[in-house]
């Protein structure tokens, strides 16, 4: 089962990040990425990739109930130490498996191990105020 998550995460990473304003002309529009498209045609922002990741995994047999999209803020790298810390809205996917819990963050190079969904320490200092989607 873990192979499905790694494959879909890799497919997401091959696409191109494009903000909704540039792609659709609106501030925010949730539109899942089709991971079956060639990589040069995969475009979207973090929640588009999160939705695409979840749909691809579901088509491979993963239960929707084992995945949650988490919405919150992610700290961005500062241009210099004098620059203020910037927090931007961000979406990630939390996955529960028999081999443990995992996070898929399109900005991360790989999946990473996570604790229970309500156990905040796994989020680390780069994430704030993440809350799971409602069922």
Protein backbone atom coordinates (compact mmCIF):
# COMPACT_ATOMS: atom_id res chain seq x y z
CA UNK A 1 0.00 0.00 0.00
CA UNK A 2 2.85 2.40 0.78
CA UNK A 3 4.05 2.08 -2.82
CA UNK A 4 0.79 3.67 -4.01
CA UNK A 5 1.42 6.72 -1.83
CA UNK A 6 5.03 7.08 -2.96
CA UNK A 7 4.03 6.75 -6.64
CA UNK A 8 1.24 9.32 -6.42
CA UNK A 9 3.43 11.72 -4.42
CA UNK A 10 6.11 11.45 -7.13
CA UNK A 11 3.50 12.09 -9.84
CA UNK A 12 2.41 15.24 -8.00
CA UNK A 13 6.00 16.46 -7.65
CA UNK A 14 6.51 16.21 -11.44
CA UNK A 15 3.77 18.77 -12.09
CA UNK A 16 4.10 22.55 -12.01
CA UNK A 17 2.90 24.83 -9.21
CA UNK A 18 0.63 27.53 -10.63
CA UNK A 19 -1.47 29.80 -8.36
CA UNK A 20 -5.21 29.93 -9.05
CA UNK A 21 -5.03 33.64 -9.95
CA UNK A 22 -2.64 32.86 -12.81
CA UNK A 23 -4.43 29.71 -13.96
CA UNK A 24 -8.11 30.61 -13.50
CA UNK A 25 -8.14 34.37 -12.78
CA UNK A 26 -9.69 33.90 -9.31
CA UNK A 27 -8.06 33.99 -5.85
CA UNK A 28 -8.98 30.40 -4.93
CA UNK A 29 -10.51 27.52 -6.88
CA UNK A 30 -10.20 23.89 -5.86
CA UNK A 31 -9.69 21.77 -8.97
CA UNK A 32 -8.00 18.36 -8.59
CA UNK A 33 -4.95 17.66 -10.72
CA UNK A 34 -5.35 14.73 -13.11
CA UNK A 35 -2.25 12.64 -12.39
CA UNK A 36 -2.82 10.63 -15.57
CA UNK A 37 -1.91 13.67 -17.69
CA UNK A 38 1.66 14.12 -18.92
CA UNK A 39 3.74 16.04 -16.34
CA UNK A 40 3.94 19.20 -18.50
CA UNK A 41 0.12 19.43 -18.40
CA UNK A 42 -0.20 19.00 -14.62
CA UNK A 43 -0.69 22.44 -13.07
CA UNK A 44 -2.23 23.72 -9.88
CA UNK A 45 -1.62 24.87 -6.34
CA UNK A 46 -1.25 22.86 -3.13
CA UNK A 47 -4.91 21.97 -2.59
CA UNK A 48 -5.30 20.99 -6.27
CA UNK A 49 -2.38 18.58 -5.86
CA UNK A 50 -3.71 17.32 -2.52
CA UNK A 51 -7.08 16.55 -4.12
CA UNK A 52 -5.37 14.89 -7.11
CA UNK A 53 -3.22 12.81 -4.76
CA UNK A 54 -6.30 11.66 -2.83
CA UNK A 55 -8.31 10.84 -5.97
CA UNK A 56 -5.43 8.88 -7.52
CA UNK A 57 -4.93 6.88 -4.31
CA UNK A 58 -8.70 6.22 -4.08
CA UNK A 59 -8.71 4.93 -7.68
CA UNK A 60 -5.90 2.55 -6.64
CA UNK A 61 -8.06 1.15 -3.83
CA UNK A 62 -7.16 3.34 -0.85
CA UNK A 63 -10.22 4.15 1.29
CA UNK A 64 -11.13 7.85 1.44
CA UNK A 65 -11.61 7.44 5.20
CA UNK A 66 -7.89 6.77 5.64
CA UNK A 67 -6.91 10.14 4.08
CA UNK A 68 -7.54 13.69 5.27
CA UNK A 69 -6.62 17.00 3.70
CA UNK A 70 -5.20 19.35 6.33
CA UNK A 71 -5.47 23.11 5.82
CA UNK A 72 -3.33 25.68 7.62
CA UNK A 73 -0.22 27.82 7.37
CA UNK A 74 3.32 26.93 6.35
CA UNK A 75 6.38 29.01 7.18
CA UNK A 76 8.29 30.16 4.11
CA UNK A 77 12.05 30.52 3.82
CA UNK A 78 13.23 34.07 4.44
CA UNK A 79 15.34 35.87 1.85
CA UNK A 80 17.56 37.15 4.67
CA UNK A 81 17.67 37.11 8.45
CA UNK A 82 16.32 40.68 8.45
CA UNK A 83 13.28 39.71 6.40
CA UNK A 84 10.11 38.98 8.38
CA UNK A 85 8.91 35.41 8.74
CA UNK A 86 6.15 34.79 6.21
CA UNK A 87 3.31 32.32 6.69
CA UNK A 88 1.19 31.26 3.68
CA UNK A 89 -1.93 29.14 3.43
CA UNK A 90 -1.11 25.55 2.55
CA UNK A 91 -2.77 22.13 2.11
CA UNK A 92 -1.25 18.73 2.87
CA UNK A 93 -2.63 15.16 3.02
CA UNK A 94 -2.48 12.98 6.14
CA UNK A 95 -2.75 9.22 5.50
CA UNK A 96 -3.42 6.45 8.05
CA UNK A 97 -2.05 3.01 7.12
CA UNK A 98 -1.34 -0.24 8.92
CA UNK A 99 2.37 0.72 8.61
CA UNK A 100 1.81 4.03 10.40
CA UNK A 101 0.68 7.54 9.50
CA UNK A 102 2.17 9.58 6.66
CA UNK A 103 2.09 13.14 5.33
CA UNK A 104 2.15 14.09 1.64
CA UNK A 105 3.25 17.70 1.20
CA UNK A 106 3.69 18.65 -2.45
CA UNK A 107 6.53 20.96 -1.44
CA UNK A 108 8.42 18.15 0.30
CA UNK A 109 10.71 15.86 -1.66
CA UNK A 110 9.09 12.73 -0.21
CA UNK A 111 6.38 11.45 2.07
CA UNK A 112 7.25 11.69 5.72
CA UNK A 113 6.20 9.75 8.82
CA UNK A 114 3.56 11.35 11.02
CA UNK A 115 1.93 10.73 14.35
CA UNK A 116 -1.81 10.56 15.05
CA UNK A 117 -3.81 13.30 13.34
CA UNK A 118 -4.51 15.16 16.59
CA UNK A 119 -0.91 14.90 17.85
CA UNK A 120 0.48 18.29 16.81
CA UNK A 121 4.25 17.82 17.46
CA UNK A 122 4.75 15.96 14.15
CA UNK A 123 3.81 19.13 12.32
CA UNK A 124 7.03 20.75 13.54
CA UNK A 125 7.83 24.44 13.49
CA UNK A 126 7.17 24.85 9.74
CA UNK A 127 3.39 24.30 10.07
CA UNK A 128 0.72 26.11 12.09
CA UNK A 129 -3.02 25.89 12.65
CA UNK A 130 -3.59 22.82 10.50
CA UNK A 131 -7.05 21.34 10.87
CA UNK A 132 -8.44 18.25 9.18
CA UNK A 133 -11.20 18.42 6.59
CA UNK A 134 -14.66 17.59 7.83
CA UNK A 135 -16.26 14.37 6.74
